[in-house]
Every structure is written in structure tokens, then in C-alpha cells.
Amino acid sequence: MTVDARTLVAIARKEPGFEGLVAQLVDDENPRVCATAVAEAAIILSTRGDWMSELTLDVMIGQLGITVVPFTKDHWRGAVAAYEKGIKAGQSPPPAFGRCLSAAVAAKLGAPLIE
């Protein structure tokens, strides 16, 4: 499975339901996260007062055995396609930038996106 920034933030902040997310990650043989999602999560945590967001995420990713996947030139078209699909479906508000990036990586890996 592939996780997005919102999932990382929910786990790091121990938001309601985070235990279920952790259980899904532990049960998965190869959980992954796009590097852009890690950066997004660190920024979100920093804006919410976690001045050690990078360390928090680094430790959490290591403990959960999540592989950080780079965002490459092979992914950007998928991100645009994910955005356009949301727009055509009438999504309001439009799909989030970070979610589109994570969705593109998940699609390329053939793994579901957990958010």
C-alpha cells in the first residue's frame, strides 16, 4: 500500500482512528510513501507546532517499515491525470496537490492509496 501525507500526520498526531492505520501498515508486506508526501507531512506538522517534525516522521517511518519512494519524471503525468479525474468527477474542493502526487506513485506501483 501507499500512504499519503494525511495518513502520516494522523499517525504522528495520534488522531482518532490512527490505530487502524497503523494496523494496516503493519499488516502490509511493503508499505510505501512518496518522498513528496513525507515533505508535505513535515510541513503540516511544523505548522501545527511539532518543531521536531522531521525526526518524528523519520522515526515513525523506520518503526513502521515504510519505504520512501522518490517522485520521478515517470510520476508527474499520473499526478496530472489524478487531478483531472477529480475535476471531471465534480470534486469540490478540487483534489489536493499532495494527494494527486501520492495517487500517481500508488498507481505506478500498483498499490492502493491509503488516506
N, C-alpha and C. Protein backbone atom coordinates (compact mmCIF):
# COMPACT_ATOMS: atom_id res chain seq x y z
N MET A 1 0.84 -1.18 0.00
CA MET A 1 0.00 0.00 0.00
C MET A 1 0.88 1.24 0.00
N THR A 2 0.31 2.33 -0.39
CA THR A 2 0.99 3.62 -0.42
C THR A 2 0.23 4.57 0.50
N VAL A 3 0.95 5.25 1.37
CA VAL A 3 0.31 6.19 2.29
C VAL A 3 0.51 7.61 1.80
N ASP A 4 -0.39 8.49 2.18
CA ASP A 4 -0.23 9.90 1.81
C ASP A 4 0.11 10.72 3.05
N ALA A 5 0.29 12.00 2.86
CA ALA A 5 0.70 12.90 3.95
C ALA A 5 -0.32 12.92 5.08
N ARG A 6 -1.61 12.91 4.73
CA ARG A 6 -2.64 12.95 5.78
C ARG A 6 -2.56 11.74 6.70
N THR A 7 -2.22 10.59 6.14
CA THR A 7 -2.07 9.38 6.95
C THR A 7 -0.90 9.53 7.91
N LEU A 8 0.22 10.02 7.41
CA LEU A 8 1.39 10.23 8.27
C LEU A 8 1.08 11.21 9.39
N VAL A 9 0.40 12.29 9.06
CA VAL A 9 0.05 13.30 10.06
C VAL A 9 -0.90 12.70 11.10
N ALA A 10 -1.88 11.95 10.66
CA ALA A 10 -2.85 11.34 11.58
C ALA A 10 -2.16 10.40 12.57
N ILE A 11 -1.21 9.63 12.07
CA ILE A 11 -0.48 8.72 12.96
C ILE A 11 0.42 9.50 13.90
N ALA A 12 1.16 10.44 13.38
CA ALA A 12 2.09 11.22 14.20
C ALA A 12 1.37 11.98 15.31
N ARG A 13 0.18 12.48 15.00
CA ARG A 13 -0.59 13.26 15.98
C ARG A 13 -1.56 12.40 16.80
N LYS A 14 -1.56 11.11 16.52
CA LYS A 14 -2.45 10.17 17.21
C LYS A 14 -3.90 10.63 17.15
N GLU A 15 -4.30 11.00 15.92
CA GLU A 15 -5.66 11.44 15.69
C GLU A 15 -6.61 10.24 15.77
N PRO A 16 -7.90 10.49 15.99
CA PRO A 16 -8.86 9.38 16.08
C PRO A 16 -8.75 8.45 14.88
N GLY A 17 -8.68 7.16 15.15
CA GLY A 17 -8.57 6.17 14.09
C GLY A 17 -7.15 5.83 13.68
N PHE A 18 -6.15 6.46 14.32
CA PHE A 18 -4.77 6.22 13.89
C PHE A 18 -4.35 4.77 14.12
N GLU A 19 -4.94 4.12 15.13
CA GLU A 19 -4.57 2.73 15.42
C GLU A 19 -4.89 1.82 14.23
N GLY A 20 -6.02 2.07 13.58
CA GLY A 20 -6.39 1.28 12.40
C GLY A 20 -5.43 1.49 11.26
N LEU A 21 -4.96 2.72 11.09
CA LEU A 21 -3.98 3.00 10.04
C LEU A 21 -2.68 2.27 10.32
N VAL A 22 -2.24 2.31 11.58
CA VAL A 22 -1.00 1.62 11.96
C VAL A 22 -1.16 0.12 11.71
N ALA A 23 -2.30 -0.44 12.08
CA ALA A 23 -2.54 -1.87 11.88
C ALA A 23 -2.46 -2.24 10.40
N GLN A 24 -3.02 -1.40 9.53
CA GLN A 24 -2.95 -1.67 8.09
C GLN A 24 -1.51 -1.66 7.60
N LEU A 25 -0.73 -0.71 8.09
CA LEU A 25 0.67 -0.62 7.67
C LEU A 25 1.48 -1.81 8.17
N VAL A 26 1.24 -2.21 9.40
CA VAL A 26 1.97 -3.35 9.98
C VAL A 26 1.62 -4.64 9.22
N ASP A 27 0.37 -4.76 8.80
CA ASP A 27 -0.06 -5.96 8.09
C ASP A 27 0.42 -6.01 6.64
N ASP A 28 0.80 -4.86 6.09
CA ASP A 28 1.22 -4.81 4.69
C ASP A 28 2.67 -5.28 4.57
N GLU A 29 2.96 -6.03 3.51
CA GLU A 29 4.32 -6.54 3.31
C GLU A 29 5.31 -5.46 2.87
N ASN A 30 4.83 -4.44 2.18
CA ASN A 30 5.74 -3.42 1.66
C ASN A 30 5.05 -2.05 1.63
N PRO A 31 4.79 -1.46 2.80
CA PRO A 31 4.16 -0.13 2.78
C PRO A 31 5.14 0.91 2.22
N ARG A 32 4.59 1.83 1.45
CA ARG A 32 5.42 2.86 0.81
C ARG A 32 4.80 4.23 0.97
N VAL A 33 5.65 5.23 0.84
CA VAL A 33 5.21 6.62 0.86
C VAL A 33 6.08 7.38 -0.13
N CYS A 34 5.45 8.29 -0.85
CA CYS A 34 6.17 9.14 -1.79
C CYS A 34 6.96 10.18 -0.99
N ALA A 35 8.17 10.47 -1.44
CA ALA A 35 9.02 11.46 -0.75
C ALA A 35 8.31 12.81 -0.64
N THR A 36 7.51 13.15 -1.63
CA THR A 36 6.80 14.43 -1.57
C THR A 36 5.78 14.44 -0.44
N ALA A 37 5.19 13.27 -0.15
CA ALA A 37 4.21 13.17 0.95
C ALA A 37 4.90 13.33 2.30
N VAL A 38 6.11 12.83 2.42
CA VAL A 38 6.86 12.99 3.66
C VAL A 38 7.16 14.47 3.89
N ALA A 39 7.58 15.16 2.83
CA ALA A 39 7.84 16.61 2.94
C ALA A 39 6.57 17.35 3.32
N GLU A 40 5.47 17.01 2.67
CA GLU A 40 4.19 17.66 2.97
C GLU A 40 3.79 17.42 4.43
N ALA A 41 3.93 16.19 4.89
CA ALA A 41 3.58 15.87 6.28
C ALA A 41 4.46 16.64 7.26
N ALA A 42 5.75 16.75 6.96
CA ALA A 42 6.66 17.51 7.84
C ALA A 42 6.26 18.98 7.91
N ILE A 43 5.86 19.53 6.79
CA ILE A 43 5.43 20.93 6.76
C ILE A 43 4.14 21.09 7.57
N ILE A 44 3.20 20.18 7.39
CA ILE A 44 1.94 20.26 8.14
C ILE A 44 2.21 20.15 9.63
N LEU A 45 3.02 19.19 10.04
CA LEU A 45 3.33 19.02 11.46
C LEU A 45 4.04 20.25 12.02
N SER A 46 4.95 20.82 11.23
CA SER A 46 5.65 22.03 11.68
C SER A 46 4.70 23.18 11.90
N THR A 47 3.75 23.35 10.99
CA THR A 47 2.79 24.45 11.13
C THR A 47 1.86 24.23 12.31
N ARG A 48 1.75 22.99 12.76
CA ARG A 48 0.90 22.67 13.91
C ARG A 48 1.70 22.59 15.21
N GLY A 49 2.95 23.06 15.16
CA GLY A 49 3.72 23.18 16.39
C GLY A 49 4.69 22.06 16.69
N ASP A 50 4.82 21.07 15.82
CA ASP A 50 5.79 19.99 16.05
C ASP A 50 7.13 20.44 15.50
N TRP A 51 7.93 21.04 16.35
CA TRP A 51 9.21 21.57 15.89
C TRP A 51 10.22 20.47 15.60
N MET A 52 9.89 19.23 15.92
CA MET A 52 10.76 18.10 15.60
C MET A 52 10.11 17.19 14.56
N SER A 53 9.36 17.80 13.65
CA SER A 53 8.57 17.02 12.69
C SER A 53 9.43 16.08 11.85
N GLU A 54 10.61 16.52 11.44
CA GLU A 54 11.46 15.66 10.62
C GLU A 54 11.89 14.41 11.39
N LEU A 55 12.27 14.60 12.64
CA LEU A 55 12.67 13.47 13.47
C LEU A 55 11.47 12.57 13.76
N THR A 56 10.34 13.18 14.07
CA THR A 56 9.12 12.42 14.33
C THR A 56 8.81 11.50 13.16
N LEU A 57 8.82 12.05 11.95
CA LEU A 57 8.49 11.26 10.77
C LEU A 57 9.57 10.22 10.47
N ASP A 58 10.82 10.59 10.63
CA ASP A 58 11.92 9.67 10.36
C ASP A 58 11.81 8.43 11.26
N VAL A 59 11.59 8.65 12.53
CA VAL A 59 11.45 7.54 13.48
C VAL A 59 10.21 6.72 13.15
N MET A 60 9.09 7.38 12.91
CA MET A 60 7.84 6.69 12.63
C MET A 60 7.95 5.85 11.36
N ILE A 61 8.51 6.39 10.32
CA ILE A 61 8.67 5.68 9.05
C ILE A 61 9.56 4.45 9.25
N GLY A 62 10.62 4.62 10.03
CA GLY A 62 11.50 3.50 10.31
C GLY A 62 10.82 2.41 11.13
N GLN A 63 10.10 2.80 12.16
CA GLN A 63 9.43 1.82 13.02
C GLN A 63 8.34 1.05 12.28
N LEU A 64 7.68 1.71 11.35
CA LEU A 64 6.60 1.06 10.61
C LEU A 64 7.10 0.34 9.35
N GLY A 65 8.40 0.45 9.07
CA GLY A 65 8.97 -0.23 7.91
C GLY A 65 8.48 0.30 6.59
N ILE A 66 8.22 1.60 6.54
CA ILE A 66 7.71 2.23 5.31
C ILE A 66 8.89 2.60 4.42
N THR A 67 8.82 2.24 3.15
CA THR A 67 9.83 2.60 2.17
C THR A 67 9.47 3.95 1.56
N VAL A 68 10.42 4.88 1.54
CA VAL A 68 10.20 6.18 0.92
C VAL A 68 10.57 6.06 -0.55
N VAL A 69 9.60 6.37 -1.41
CA VAL A 69 9.75 6.23 -2.85
C VAL A 69 9.94 7.62 -3.46
N PRO A 70 10.93 7.79 -4.34
CA PRO A 70 11.12 9.10 -4.98
C PRO A 70 9.98 9.42 -5.94
N PHE A 71 9.76 10.71 -6.14
CA PHE A 71 8.81 11.18 -7.15
C PHE A 71 9.65 11.52 -8.37
N THR A 72 9.40 10.83 -9.47
CA THR A 72 10.25 10.97 -10.65
C THR A 72 9.46 11.52 -11.84
N LYS A 73 10.17 11.67 -12.93
CA LYS A 73 9.51 12.16 -14.14
C LYS A 73 8.45 11.19 -14.64
N ASP A 74 8.52 9.93 -14.22
CA ASP A 74 7.50 8.96 -14.61
C ASP A 74 6.18 9.16 -13.87
N HIS A 75 6.20 9.95 -12.80
CA HIS A 75 5.01 10.12 -11.98
C HIS A 75 4.20 11.39 -12.29
N TRP A 76 4.83 12.39 -12.86
CA TRP A 76 4.12 13.67 -12.95
C TRP A 76 2.87 13.60 -13.83
N ARG A 77 2.91 12.82 -14.88
CA ARG A 77 1.72 12.71 -15.73
C ARG A 77 0.56 12.04 -14.98
N GLY A 78 0.90 11.07 -14.14
CA GLY A 78 -0.12 10.42 -13.33
C GLY A 78 -0.74 11.38 -12.33
N ALA A 79 0.07 12.30 -11.81
CA ALA A 79 -0.44 13.30 -10.87
C ALA A 79 -1.43 14.22 -11.57
N VAL A 80 -1.09 14.63 -12.78
CA VAL A 80 -1.99 15.48 -13.56
C VAL A 80 -3.28 14.72 -13.88
N ALA A 81 -3.15 13.45 -14.23
CA ALA A 81 -4.33 12.63 -14.55
C ALA A 81 -5.22 12.48 -13.32
N ALA A 82 -4.63 12.30 -12.13
CA ALA A 82 -5.42 12.18 -10.91
C ALA A 82 -6.18 13.47 -10.63
N TYR A 83 -5.54 14.60 -10.87
CA TYR A 83 -6.19 15.89 -10.67
C TYR A 83 -7.35 16.06 -11.66
N GLU A 84 -7.07 15.78 -12.93
CA GLU A 84 -8.11 15.93 -13.95
C GLU A 84 -9.29 14.99 -13.71
N LYS A 85 -9.01 13.79 -13.22
CA LYS A 85 -10.08 12.84 -12.92
C LYS A 85 -10.99 13.40 -11.82
N GLY A 86 -10.39 14.01 -10.79
CA GLY A 86 -11.17 14.61 -9.71
C GLY A 86 -12.00 15.77 -10.19
N ILE A 87 -11.44 16.59 -11.07
CA ILE A 87 -12.16 17.75 -11.62
C ILE A 87 -13.34 17.27 -12.46
N LYS A 88 -13.10 16.28 -13.32
CA LYS A 88 -14.18 15.76 -14.17
C LYS A 88 -15.29 15.11 -13.36
N ALA A 89 -14.92 14.56 -12.20
CA ALA A 89 -15.92 13.93 -11.33
C ALA A 89 -16.68 14.96 -10.50
N GLY A 90 -16.30 16.23 -10.66
CA GLY A 90 -17.00 17.30 -9.95
C GLY A 90 -16.60 17.43 -8.49
N GLN A 91 -15.40 16.97 -8.17
CA GLN A 91 -14.93 17.06 -6.80
C GLN A 91 -14.86 18.51 -6.34
N SER A 92 -15.38 18.76 -5.17
CA SER A 92 -15.33 20.11 -4.61
C SER A 92 -14.99 20.00 -3.13
N PRO A 93 -13.90 20.59 -2.71
CA PRO A 93 -12.92 21.34 -3.48
C PRO A 93 -12.14 20.42 -4.42
N PRO A 94 -11.38 21.01 -5.34
CA PRO A 94 -10.58 20.19 -6.26
C PRO A 94 -9.62 19.29 -5.50
N PRO A 95 -9.16 18.23 -6.12
CA PRO A 95 -8.23 17.32 -5.46
C PRO A 95 -7.00 18.06 -4.94
N ALA A 96 -6.54 17.67 -3.77
CA ALA A 96 -5.36 18.31 -3.16
C ALA A 96 -4.11 17.94 -3.93
N PHE A 97 -3.21 18.90 -4.04
CA PHE A 97 -1.96 18.73 -4.76
C PHE A 97 -1.19 17.50 -4.27
N GLY A 98 -0.97 17.41 -2.96
CA GLY A 98 -0.21 16.31 -2.40
C GLY A 98 -0.87 14.96 -2.62
N ARG A 99 -2.19 14.92 -2.54
CA ARG A 99 -2.91 13.68 -2.77
C ARG A 99 -2.72 13.21 -4.21
N CYS A 100 -2.71 14.13 -5.16
CA CYS A 100 -2.51 13.77 -6.56
C CYS A 100 -1.12 13.18 -6.77
N LEU A 101 -0.12 13.74 -6.10
CA LEU A 101 1.24 13.20 -6.21
C LEU A 101 1.30 11.78 -5.66
N SER A 102 0.71 11.59 -4.47
CA SER A 102 0.71 10.25 -3.85
C SER A 102 -0.08 9.26 -4.69
N ALA A 103 -1.21 9.68 -5.25
CA ALA A 103 -2.03 8.80 -6.08
C ALA A 103 -1.26 8.35 -7.31
N ALA A 104 -0.47 9.24 -7.89
CA ALA A 104 0.32 8.89 -9.07
C ALA A 104 1.36 7.83 -8.74
N VAL A 105 2.02 7.97 -7.62
CA VAL A 105 3.02 6.97 -7.21
C VAL A 105 2.34 5.65 -6.90
N ALA A 106 1.22 5.69 -6.19
CA ALA A 106 0.49 4.47 -5.87
C ALA A 106 0.06 3.74 -7.15
N ALA A 107 -0.44 4.49 -8.11
CA ALA A 107 -0.88 3.87 -9.37
C ALA A 107 0.29 3.23 -10.10
N LYS A 108 1.40 3.93 -10.15
CA LYS A 108 2.59 3.41 -10.85
C LYS A 108 3.11 2.15 -10.16
N LEU A 109 2.99 2.09 -8.83
CA LEU A 109 3.44 0.91 -8.08
C LEU A 109 2.39 -0.20 -8.08
N GLY A 110 1.18 0.12 -8.52
CA GLY A 110 0.11 -0.86 -8.48
C GLY A 110 -0.35 -1.18 -7.07
N ALA A 111 -0.26 -0.17 -6.20
CA ALA A 111 -0.61 -0.35 -4.80
C ALA A 111 -1.75 0.60 -4.43
N PRO A 112 -2.66 0.17 -3.58
CA PRO A 112 -3.74 1.08 -3.17
C PRO A 112 -3.20 2.25 -2.36
N LEU A 113 -3.88 3.37 -2.45
CA LEU A 113 -3.53 4.56 -1.70
C LEU A 113 -4.37 4.58 -0.43
N ILE A 114 -3.72 4.64 0.71
CA ILE A 114 -4.43 4.74 1.98
C ILE A 114 -4.34 6.19 2.42
N GLU A 115 -5.49 6.78 2.71
CA GLU A 115 -5.52 8.20 3.09
C GLU A 115 -6.50 8.45 4.19
